[in-house]
Amino acid sequence: MNARRWLPGAIGISILIAAWSLVSTTVLTTRDGVPTPWATIASLVDDGWSFYQPNLAQTAGEALRGYLIGNGLAIACAVTVLLVPMVERFVLQLAIASYCIPIMAVGPLLSMLFNGDTPVVALAALSVFFTTLVGALLGLRSADATALDLVRAHGGGRWQQLRRVRVVAALPTTLAALRVAAPAALLGAIIGEYLGRVTNGLGIAMIISETQLNVARTWAIALVSGAVAGAAYGLTALVERYALPWAHATTARGEAS
């Protein structure tokens, strides 16, 4: 079962690496901005942990803070919409605006208003707000109507319905949104570092390697960033799996049948 689940991903990665090797040795070269896979790995090994550790710590810290702030605000707004329906239009308009405005357009404004890594954290939070708000709101509204009527029949209002029915109903879609938000927060933090308000970080390291025309290191940093994003996605998926064991048990039975 586990081998069957991981095999397509392993095959896809193998094909991607093979295509990368072929293109980097035939059509494109390092001068064209595409190093070979082994040159990228060699750069990664040469730079070592001493180079990546401070940059990883900086970017991961910014992404984590943005992830917590953005998702916390999104879930709070979703709950507010359920309890106070009159604010729904305003909240949704705000969420859509935050999603549609390009991060690179908002970044300079935040950089003017805040110091240090605050603009980077804000961009990471902005990157996850819309996705989590929509997921949480859809989940809260997917509660069983019969269960809601039962709570209402016993004198419960919107708050009791939220506590006893809607929160449980919202877990699957909310946790799925939090899973998608994890790599989005990292991407927002890396883009935010391009504003130049911090001295360390994967984004800063990538800028420096690009200005130095160190193509192999640039690609190595990109690979590390992708690996961290994948790890964040996998960690949140693991949390979801243990938080919703009944959902995965149902899926497993469906696959077995």
C-alpha atoms as a PDB file:
ATOM      1  CA  MET A   1       0.000   0.000   0.000  1.00  0.00           C
ATOM      2  CA  ASN A   2       2.742   2.454   0.996  1.00  0.00           C
ATOM      3  CA  ALA A   3       4.949   1.447  -1.936  1.00  0.00           C
ATOM      4  CA  ARG A   4       2.035   1.915  -4.309  1.00  0.00           C
ATOM      5  CA  ARG A   5       1.439   5.386  -2.869  1.00  0.00           C
ATOM      6  CA  TRP A   6       5.047   6.567  -3.151  1.00  0.00           C
ATOM      7  CA  LEU A   7       5.936   4.924  -6.465  1.00  0.00           C
ATOM      8  CA  PRO A   8       4.335   7.534  -8.811  1.00  0.00           C
ATOM      9  CA  GLY A   9       6.140  10.371  -7.036  1.00  0.00           C
ATOM     10  CA  ALA A  10       9.476   8.546  -7.178  1.00  0.00           C
ATOM     11  CA  ILE A  11       9.019   7.853 -10.877  1.00  0.00           C
ATOM     12  CA  GLY A  12       8.095  11.488 -11.535  1.00  0.00           C
ATOM     13  CA  ILE A  13      11.192  12.777  -9.711  1.00  0.00           C
ATOM     14  CA  SER A  14      13.417  10.317 -11.584  1.00  0.00           C
ATOM     15  CA  ILE A  15      12.008  11.459 -14.929  1.00  0.00           C
ATOM     16  CA  LEU A  16      12.477  15.100 -13.939  1.00  0.00           C
ATOM     17  CA  ILE A  17      16.129  14.551 -12.973  1.00  0.00           C
ATOM     18  CA  ALA A  18      16.782  12.615 -16.169  1.00  0.00           C
ATOM     19  CA  ALA A  19      15.241  15.399 -18.271  1.00  0.00           C
ATOM     20  CA  TRP A  20      17.261  17.991 -16.366  1.00  0.00           C
ATOM     21  CA  SER A  21      20.483  16.053 -17.027  1.00  0.00           C
ATOM     22  CA  LEU A  22      19.687  15.703 -20.711  1.00  0.00           C
ATOM     23  CA  VAL A  23      18.770  19.368 -21.226  1.00  0.00           C
ATOM     24  CA  SER A  24      21.735  20.711 -19.230  1.00  0.00           C
ATOM     25  CA  THR A  25      24.219  18.679 -21.277  1.00  0.00           C
ATOM     26  CA  THR A  26      22.712  19.154 -24.726  1.00  0.00           C
ATOM     27  CA  VAL A  27      20.418  22.104 -25.368  1.00  0.00           C
ATOM     28  CA  LEU A  28      21.350  24.421 -22.470  1.00  0.00           C
ATOM     29  CA  THR A  29      24.535  24.901 -20.431  1.00  0.00           C
ATOM     30  CA  THR A  30      25.635  26.756 -17.329  1.00  0.00           C
ATOM     31  CA  ARG A  31      26.167  29.854 -19.466  1.00  0.00           C
ATOM     32  CA  ASP A  32      22.464  29.661 -20.306  1.00  0.00           C
ATOM     33  CA  GLY A  33      21.595  29.491 -16.618  1.00  0.00           C
ATOM     34  CA  VAL A  34      21.058  25.724 -16.344  1.00  0.00           C
ATOM     35  CA  PRO A  35      23.767  23.765 -14.492  1.00  0.00           C
ATOM     36  CA  THR A  36      23.932  19.983 -14.478  1.00  0.00           C
ATOM     37  CA  PRO A  37      22.395  18.133 -11.538  1.00  0.00           C
ATOM     38  CA  TRP A  38      25.787  16.929 -10.335  1.00  0.00           C
ATOM     39  CA  ALA A  39      27.214  20.472 -10.459  1.00  0.00           C
ATOM     40  CA  THR A  40      24.290  21.638  -8.351  1.00  0.00           C
ATOM     41  CA  ILE A  41      24.787  18.832  -5.837  1.00  0.00           C
ATOM     42  CA  ALA A  42      28.532  19.570  -5.725  1.00  0.00           C
ATOM     43  CA  SER A  43      27.797  23.212  -4.914  1.00  0.00           C
ATOM     44  CA  LEU A  44      25.368  22.133  -2.217  1.00  0.00           C
ATOM     45  CA  VAL A  45      27.971  19.872  -0.627  1.00  0.00           C
ATOM     46  CA  ASP A  46      30.762  22.449  -0.895  1.00  0.00           C
ATOM     47  CA  ASP A  47      28.712  25.176   0.795  1.00  0.00           C
ATOM     48  CA  GLY A  48      27.668  22.783   3.530  1.00  0.00           C
ATOM     49  CA  TRP A  49      25.601  23.223   6.652  1.00  0.00           C
ATOM     50  CA  SER A  50      27.539  26.276   7.821  1.00  0.00           C
ATOM     51  CA  PHE A  51      26.244  28.216   4.810  1.00  0.00           C
ATOM     52  CA  TYR A  52      22.657  26.955   4.797  1.00  0.00           C
ATOM     53  CA  GLN A  53      21.928  26.809   8.530  1.00  0.00           C
ATOM     54  CA  PRO A  54      21.687  30.570   9.244  1.00  0.00           C
ATOM     55  CA  ASN A  55      19.787  31.180   6.012  1.00  0.00           C
ATOM     56  CA  LEU A  56      17.396  28.318   6.673  1.00  0.00           C
ATOM     57  CA  ALA A  57      16.821  29.424  10.261  1.00  0.00           C
ATOM     58  CA  GLN A  58      16.032  32.989   9.181  1.00  0.00           C
ATOM     59  CA  THR A  59      13.614  32.079   6.390  1.00  0.00           C
ATOM     60  CA  ALA A  60      11.943  29.243   8.295  1.00  0.00           C
ATOM     61  CA  GLY A  61      11.411  31.510  11.297  1.00  0.00           C
ATOM     62  CA  GLU A  62       9.820  34.208   9.148  1.00  0.00           C
ATOM     63  CA  ALA A  63       7.642  31.677   7.326  1.00  0.00           C
ATOM     64  CA  LEU A  64       6.494  30.047  10.567  1.00  0.00           C
ATOM     65  CA  ARG A  65       5.509  33.358  12.133  1.00  0.00           C
ATOM     66  CA  GLY A  66       3.670  34.400   8.984  1.00  0.00           C
ATOM     67  CA  TYR A  67       1.997  30.991   8.803  1.00  0.00           C
ATOM     68  CA  LEU A  68       0.698  31.255  12.369  1.00  0.00           C
ATOM     69  CA  ILE A  69      -0.421  34.878  12.047  1.00  0.00           C
ATOM     70  CA  GLY A  70      -2.044  34.552   8.617  1.00  0.00           C
ATOM     71  CA  ASN A  71      -3.837  31.305   9.410  1.00  0.00           C
ATOM     72  CA  GLY A  72      -4.905  32.547  12.830  1.00  0.00           C
ATOM     73  CA  LEU A  73      -6.448  35.653  11.307  1.00  0.00           C
ATOM     74  CA  ALA A  74      -8.114  33.604   8.555  1.00  0.00           C
ATOM     75  CA  ILE A  75      -9.725  31.173  10.991  1.00  0.00           C
ATOM     76  CA  ALA A  76     -10.791  34.040  13.266  1.00  0.00           C
ATOM     77  CA  CYS A  77     -12.415  35.807  10.307  1.00  0.00           C
ATOM     78  CA  ALA A  78     -14.207  32.619   9.243  1.00  0.00           C
ATOM     79  CA  VAL A  79     -15.621  32.167  12.743  1.00  0.00           C
ATOM     80  CA  THR A  80     -16.638  35.839  12.850  1.00  0.00           C
ATOM     81  CA  VAL A  81     -18.535  35.467   9.568  1.00  0.00           C
ATOM     82  CA  LEU A  82     -20.478  32.530  11.023  1.00  0.00           C
ATOM     83  CA  LEU A  83     -21.323  34.380  14.228  1.00  0.00           C
ATOM     84  CA  VAL A  84     -21.908  37.816  12.681  1.00  0.00           C
ATOM     85  CA  PRO A  85     -23.178  37.236   9.108  1.00  0.00           C
ATOM     86  CA  MET A  86     -23.397  40.960   8.346  1.00  0.00           C
ATOM     87  CA  VAL A  87     -19.581  41.197   8.129  1.00  0.00           C
ATOM     88  CA  GLU A  88     -19.314  38.440   5.509  1.00  0.00           C
ATOM     89  CA  ARG A  89     -19.227  40.715   2.485  1.00  0.00           C
ATOM     90  CA  PHE A  90     -16.519  42.925   3.970  1.00  0.00           C
ATOM     91  CA  VAL A  91     -14.371  39.970   5.048  1.00  0.00           C
ATOM     92  CA  LEU A  92     -14.638  38.244   1.666  1.00  0.00           C
ATOM     93  CA  GLN A  93     -13.835  41.454  -0.207  1.00  0.00           C
ATOM     94  CA  LEU A  94     -10.779  41.914   1.998  1.00  0.00           C
ATOM     95  CA  ALA A  95      -9.686  38.319   1.399  1.00  0.00           C
ATOM     96  CA  ILE A  96     -10.134  38.575  -2.375  1.00  0.00           C
ATOM     97  CA  ALA A  97      -8.187  41.826  -2.445  1.00  0.00           C
ATOM     98  CA  SER A  98      -5.345  40.253  -0.464  1.00  0.00           C
ATOM     99  CA  TYR A  99      -5.278  37.361  -2.932  1.00  0.00           C
ATOM    100  CA  CYS A 100      -5.473  39.400  -6.133  1.00  0.00           C
ATOM    101  CA  ILE A 101      -2.943  42.127  -5.316  1.00  0.00           C
ATOM    102  CA  PRO A 102       0.547  40.947  -6.367  1.00  0.00           C
ATOM    103  CA  ILE A 103       2.906  40.370  -3.464  1.00  0.00           C
ATOM    104  CA  MET A 104       5.643  42.315  -5.216  1.00  0.00           C
ATOM    105  CA  ALA A 105       3.327  45.348  -5.306  1.00  0.00           C
ATOM    106  CA  VAL A 106       2.478  45.117  -1.602  1.00  0.00           C
ATOM    107  CA  GLY A 107       6.045  44.420  -0.504  1.00  0.00           C
ATOM    108  CA  PRO A 108       7.513  47.909  -1.042  1.00  0.00           C
ATOM    109  CA  LEU A 109       4.616  49.459   0.883  1.00  0.00           C
ATOM    110  CA  LEU A 110       5.181  47.138   3.821  1.00  0.00           C
ATOM    111  CA  SER A 111       8.901  47.828   3.635  1.00  0.00           C
ATOM    112  CA  MET A 112       8.196  51.545   4.022  1.00  0.00           C
ATOM    113  CA  LEU A 113       5.903  51.006   7.013  1.00  0.00           C
ATOM    114  CA  PHE A 114       7.854  48.414   9.005  1.00  0.00           C
ATOM    115  CA  ASN A 115      11.451  47.650   9.911  1.00  0.00           C
ATOM    116  CA  GLY A 116      13.448  44.463  10.274  1.00  0.00           C
ATOM    117  CA  ASP A 117      11.846  41.227   9.124  1.00  0.00           C
ATOM    118  CA  THR A 118       8.283  42.413   9.826  1.00  0.00           C
ATOM    119  CA  PRO A 119       7.534  43.031   6.105  1.00  0.00           C
ATOM    120  CA  VAL A 120       8.736  39.512   5.317  1.00  0.00           C
ATOM    121  CA  VAL A 121       6.504  37.989   7.997  1.00  0.00           C
ATOM    122  CA  ALA A 122       3.578  40.082   6.750  1.00  0.00           C
ATOM    123  CA  LEU A 123       4.032  38.812   3.194  1.00  0.00           C
ATOM    124  CA  ALA A 124       4.188  35.226   4.441  1.00  0.00           C
ATOM    125  CA  ALA A 125       0.941  35.810   6.345  1.00  0.00           C
ATOM    126  CA  LEU A 126      -0.648  37.411   3.297  1.00  0.00           C
ATOM    127  CA  SER A 127       0.277  34.375   1.199  1.00  0.00           C
ATOM    128  CA  VAL A 128      -1.806  32.017   3.333  1.00  0.00           C
ATOM    129  CA  PHE A 129      -4.762  34.169   4.409  1.00  0.00           C
ATOM    130  CA  PHE A 130      -7.131  33.640   1.467  1.00  0.00           C
ATOM    131  CA  THR A 131      -6.624  29.880   1.120  1.00  0.00           C
ATOM    132  CA  THR A 132      -7.211  29.174   4.795  1.00  0.00           C
ATOM    133  CA  LEU A 133     -10.172  31.547   5.047  1.00  0.00           C
ATOM    134  CA  VAL A 134     -11.959  29.835   2.165  1.00  0.00           C
ATOM    135  CA  GLY A 135     -11.173  26.349   3.498  1.00  0.00           C
ATOM    136  CA  ALA A 136     -12.297  27.174   7.027  1.00  0.00           C
ATOM    137  CA  LEU A 137     -15.450  28.920   5.861  1.00  0.00           C
ATOM    138  CA  LEU A 138     -16.464  26.074   3.549  1.00  0.00           C
ATOM    139  CA  GLY A 139     -15.839  23.595   6.339  1.00  0.00           C
ATOM    140  CA  LEU A 140     -17.850  25.520   8.904  1.00  0.00           C
ATOM    141  CA  ARG A 141     -20.756  25.727   6.471  1.00  0.00           C
ATOM    142  CA  SER A 142     -20.637  22.029   5.623  1.00  0.00           C
ATOM    143  CA  ALA A 143     -22.040  21.033   9.005  1.00  0.00           C
ATOM    144  CA  ASP A 144     -24.949  18.587   8.966  1.00  0.00           C
ATOM    145  CA  ALA A 145     -28.254  20.469   8.967  1.00  0.00           C
ATOM    146  CA  THR A 146     -29.919  17.858  11.184  1.00  0.00           C
ATOM    147  CA  ALA A 147     -27.247  18.227  13.862  1.00  0.00           C
ATOM    148  CA  LEU A 148     -27.591  22.014  13.737  1.00  0.00           C
ATOM    149  CA  ASP A 149     -31.373  21.716  14.108  1.00  0.00           C
ATOM    150  CA  LEU A 150     -30.898  19.416  17.093  1.00  0.00           C
ATOM    151  CA  VAL A 151     -28.678  21.953  18.843  1.00  0.00           C
ATOM    152  CA  ARG A 152     -31.183  24.691  18.030  1.00  0.00           C
ATOM    153  CA  ALA A 153     -34.061  22.586  19.366  1.00  0.00           C
ATOM    154  CA  HIS A 154     -32.269  22.316  22.701  1.00  0.00           C
ATOM    155  CA  GLY A 155     -31.962  26.088  22.943  1.00  0.00           C
ATOM    156  CA  GLY A 156     -28.486  26.456  21.480  1.00  0.00           C
ATOM    157  CA  GLY A 157     -27.620  29.493  19.410  1.00  0.00           C
ATOM    158  CA  ARG A 158     -24.923  30.120  16.830  1.00  0.00           C
ATOM    159  CA  TRP A 159     -22.130  29.803  19.388  1.00  0.00           C
ATOM    160  CA  GLN A 160     -23.311  26.399  20.601  1.00  0.00           C
ATOM    161  CA  GLN A 161     -23.747  25.229  17.015  1.00  0.00           C
ATOM    162  CA  LEU A 162     -20.213  26.354  16.293  1.00  0.00           C
ATOM    163  CA  ARG A 163     -18.733  24.590  19.322  1.00  0.00           C
ATOM    164  CA  ARG A 164     -20.647  21.334  19.086  1.00  0.00           C
ATOM    165  CA  VAL A 165     -21.128  20.790  15.342  1.00  0.00           C
ATOM    166  CA  ARG A 166     -19.412  23.203  12.999  1.00  0.00           C
ATOM    167  CA  VAL A 167     -15.861  22.953  14.394  1.00  0.00           C
ATOM    168  CA  VAL A 168     -15.738  19.183  13.853  1.00  0.00           C
ATOM    169  CA  ALA A 169     -17.305  19.513  10.403  1.00  0.00           C
ATOM    170  CA  ALA A 170     -14.722  22.130   9.431  1.00  0.00           C
ATOM    171  CA  LEU A 171     -11.649  20.079  10.359  1.00  0.00           C
ATOM    172  CA  PRO A 172     -11.097  18.266   7.011  1.00  0.00           C
ATOM    173  CA  THR A 173     -11.199  21.325   4.749  1.00  0.00           C
ATOM    174  CA  THR A 174      -9.432  23.567   7.265  1.00  0.00           C
ATOM    175  CA  LEU A 175      -6.551  21.137   7.727  1.00  0.00           C
ATOM    176  CA  ALA A 176      -6.334  20.680   3.955  1.00  0.00           C
ATOM    177  CA  ALA A 177      -6.049  24.463   3.585  1.00  0.00           C
ATOM    178  CA  LEU A 178      -3.377  24.577   6.302  1.00  0.00           C
ATOM    179  CA  ARG A 179      -1.456  21.901   4.392  1.00  0.00           C
ATOM    180  CA  VAL A 180      -1.471  24.006   1.213  1.00  0.00           C
ATOM    181  CA  ALA A 181      -0.602  27.123   3.219  1.00  0.00           C
ATOM    182  CA  ALA A 182       2.656  25.673   4.564  1.00  0.00           C
ATOM    183  CA  PRO A 183       4.715  25.908   1.333  1.00  0.00           C
ATOM    184  CA  ALA A 184       2.885  29.147   0.432  1.00  0.00           C
ATOM    185  CA  ALA A 185       4.160  30.774   3.631  1.00  0.00           C
ATOM    186  CA  LEU A 186       7.737  29.787   2.765  1.00  0.00           C
ATOM    187  CA  LEU A 187       7.373  31.206  -0.739  1.00  0.00           C
ATOM    188  CA  GLY A 188       5.981  34.451   0.668  1.00  0.00           C
ATOM    189  CA  ALA A 189       8.925  34.736   3.066  1.00  0.00           C
ATOM    190  CA  ILE A 190      11.488  34.138   0.313  1.00  0.00           C
ATOM    191  CA  ILE A 191       9.862  36.738  -1.931  1.00  0.00           C
ATOM    192  CA  GLY A 192       9.718  39.143   1.010  1.00  0.00           C
ATOM    193  CA  GLU A 193      13.468  38.788   1.544  1.00  0.00           C
ATOM    194  CA  TYR A 194      13.999  40.279  -1.892  1.00  0.00           C
ATOM    195  CA  LEU A 195      13.010  43.590  -0.292  1.00  0.00           C
ATOM    196  CA  GLY A 196      16.411  43.648   1.377  1.00  0.00           C
ATOM    197  CA  ARG A 197      15.266  44.318   4.956  1.00  0.00           C
ATOM    198  CA  VAL A 198      17.115  41.286   6.360  1.00  0.00           C
ATOM    199  CA  THR A 199      20.746  40.198   6.187  1.00  0.00           C
ATOM    200  CA  ASN A 200      20.229  36.411   6.113  1.00  0.00           C
ATOM    201  CA  GLY A 201      17.763  34.098   4.462  1.00  0.00           C
ATOM    202  CA  LEU A 202      17.341  31.867   1.441  1.00  0.00           C
ATOM    203  CA  GLY A 203      16.037  34.792  -0.599  1.00  0.00           C
ATOM    204  CA  ILE A 204      19.039  36.957   0.292  1.00  0.00           C
ATOM    205  CA  ALA A 205      21.438  34.080  -0.452  1.00  0.00           C
ATOM    206  CA  MET A 206      19.773  33.595  -3.824  1.00  0.00           C
ATOM    207  CA  ILE A 207      20.082  37.286  -4.678  1.00  0.00           C
ATOM    208  CA  ILE A 208      23.794  37.283  -3.815  1.00  0.00           C
ATOM    209  CA  SER A 209      24.493  34.130  -5.821  1.00  0.00           C
ATOM    210  CA  GLU A 210      22.639  35.600  -8.807  1.00  0.00           C
ATOM    211  CA  THR A 211      24.662  38.827  -8.684  1.00  0.00           C
ATOM    212  CA  GLN A 212      27.837  36.746  -8.482  1.00  0.00           C
ATOM    213  CA  LEU A 213      26.660  34.706 -11.508  1.00  0.00           C
ATOM    214  CA  ASN A 214      27.044  31.552  -9.422  1.00  0.00           C
ATOM    215  CA  VAL A 215      24.461  29.505 -11.297  1.00  0.00           C
ATOM    216  CA  ALA A 216      25.084  26.210  -9.501  1.00  0.00           C
ATOM    217  CA  ARG A 217      24.644  27.780  -6.051  1.00  0.00           C
ATOM    218  CA  THR A 218      21.462  29.553  -7.180  1.00  0.00           C
ATOM    219  CA  TRP A 219      19.959  26.266  -8.280  1.00  0.00           C
ATOM    220  CA  ALA A 220      21.159  24.562  -5.095  1.00  0.00           C
ATOM    221  CA  ILE A 221      19.418  27.197  -2.978  1.00  0.00           C
ATOM    222  CA  ALA A 222      16.283  26.707  -5.069  1.00  0.00           C
ATOM    223  CA  LEU A 223      16.457  22.949  -4.446  1.00  0.00           C
ATOM    224  CA  VAL A 224      16.875  23.490  -0.711  1.00  0.00           C
ATOM    225  CA  SER A 225      13.916  25.874  -0.724  1.00  0.00           C
ATOM    226  CA  GLY A 226      11.812  23.297  -2.543  1.00  0.00           C
ATOM    227  CA  ALA A 227      12.878  20.585  -0.101  1.00  0.00           C
ATOM    228  CA  VAL A 228      11.914  22.752   2.879  1.00  0.00           C
ATOM    229  CA  ALA A 229       8.552  23.558   1.281  1.00  0.00           C
ATOM    230  CA  GLY A 230       7.963  19.858   0.657  1.00  0.00           C
ATOM    231  CA  ALA A 231       8.907  19.033   4.252  1.00  0.00           C
ATOM    232  CA  ALA A 232       6.479  21.671   5.538  1.00  0.00           C
ATOM    233  CA  TYR A 233       3.731  20.224   3.359  1.00  0.00           C
ATOM    234  CA  GLY A 234       4.518  16.702   4.539  1.00  0.00           C
ATOM    235  CA  LEU A 235       4.567  17.716   8.208  1.00  0.00           C
ATOM    236  CA  THR A 236       1.162  19.375   8.011  1.00  0.00           C
ATOM    237  CA  ALA A 237      -0.165  16.362   6.077  1.00  0.00           C
ATOM    238  CA  LEU A 238       1.102  14.138   8.901  1.00  0.00           C
ATOM    239  CA  VAL A 239      -0.683  16.292  11.468  1.00  0.00           C
ATOM    240  CA  GLU A 240      -3.843  16.066   9.377  1.00  0.00           C
ATOM    241  CA  ARG A 241      -3.543  12.297   9.181  1.00  0.00           C
ATOM    242  CA  TYR A 242      -3.353  11.902  12.964  1.00  0.00           C
ATOM    243  CA  ALA A 243      -6.000  14.569  13.623  1.00  0.00           C
ATOM    244  CA  LEU A 244      -8.515  12.918  11.262  1.00  0.00           C
ATOM    245  CA  PRO A 245      -7.901   9.155  11.548  1.00  0.00           C
ATOM    246  CA  TRP A 246     -11.509   8.348  10.627  1.00  0.00           C
ATOM    247  CA  ALA A 247     -11.246  10.182   7.294  1.00  0.00           C
ATOM    248  CA  HIS A 248      -8.116   8.299   6.264  1.00  0.00           C
ATOM    249  CA  ALA A 249      -9.594   5.004   7.415  1.00  0.00           C
ATOM    250  CA  THR A 250     -12.595   5.631   5.147  1.00  0.00           C
ATOM    251  CA  THR A 251     -10.295   6.481   2.232  1.00  0.00           C
ATOM    252  CA  ALA A 252      -8.235   3.347   2.815  1.00  0.00           C
ATOM    253  CA  ARG A 253     -11.360   1.160   2.817  1.00  0.00           C
ATOM    254  CA  GLY A 254     -12.496   2.802  -0.407  1.00  0.00           C
ATOM    255  CA  GLU A 255      -9.151   2.115  -2.080  1.00  0.00           C
ATOM    256  CA  ALA A 256      -9.131  -1.494  -0.860  1.00  0.00           C
ATOM    257  CA  SER A 257     -12.587  -2.141  -2.253  1.00  0.00           C
END
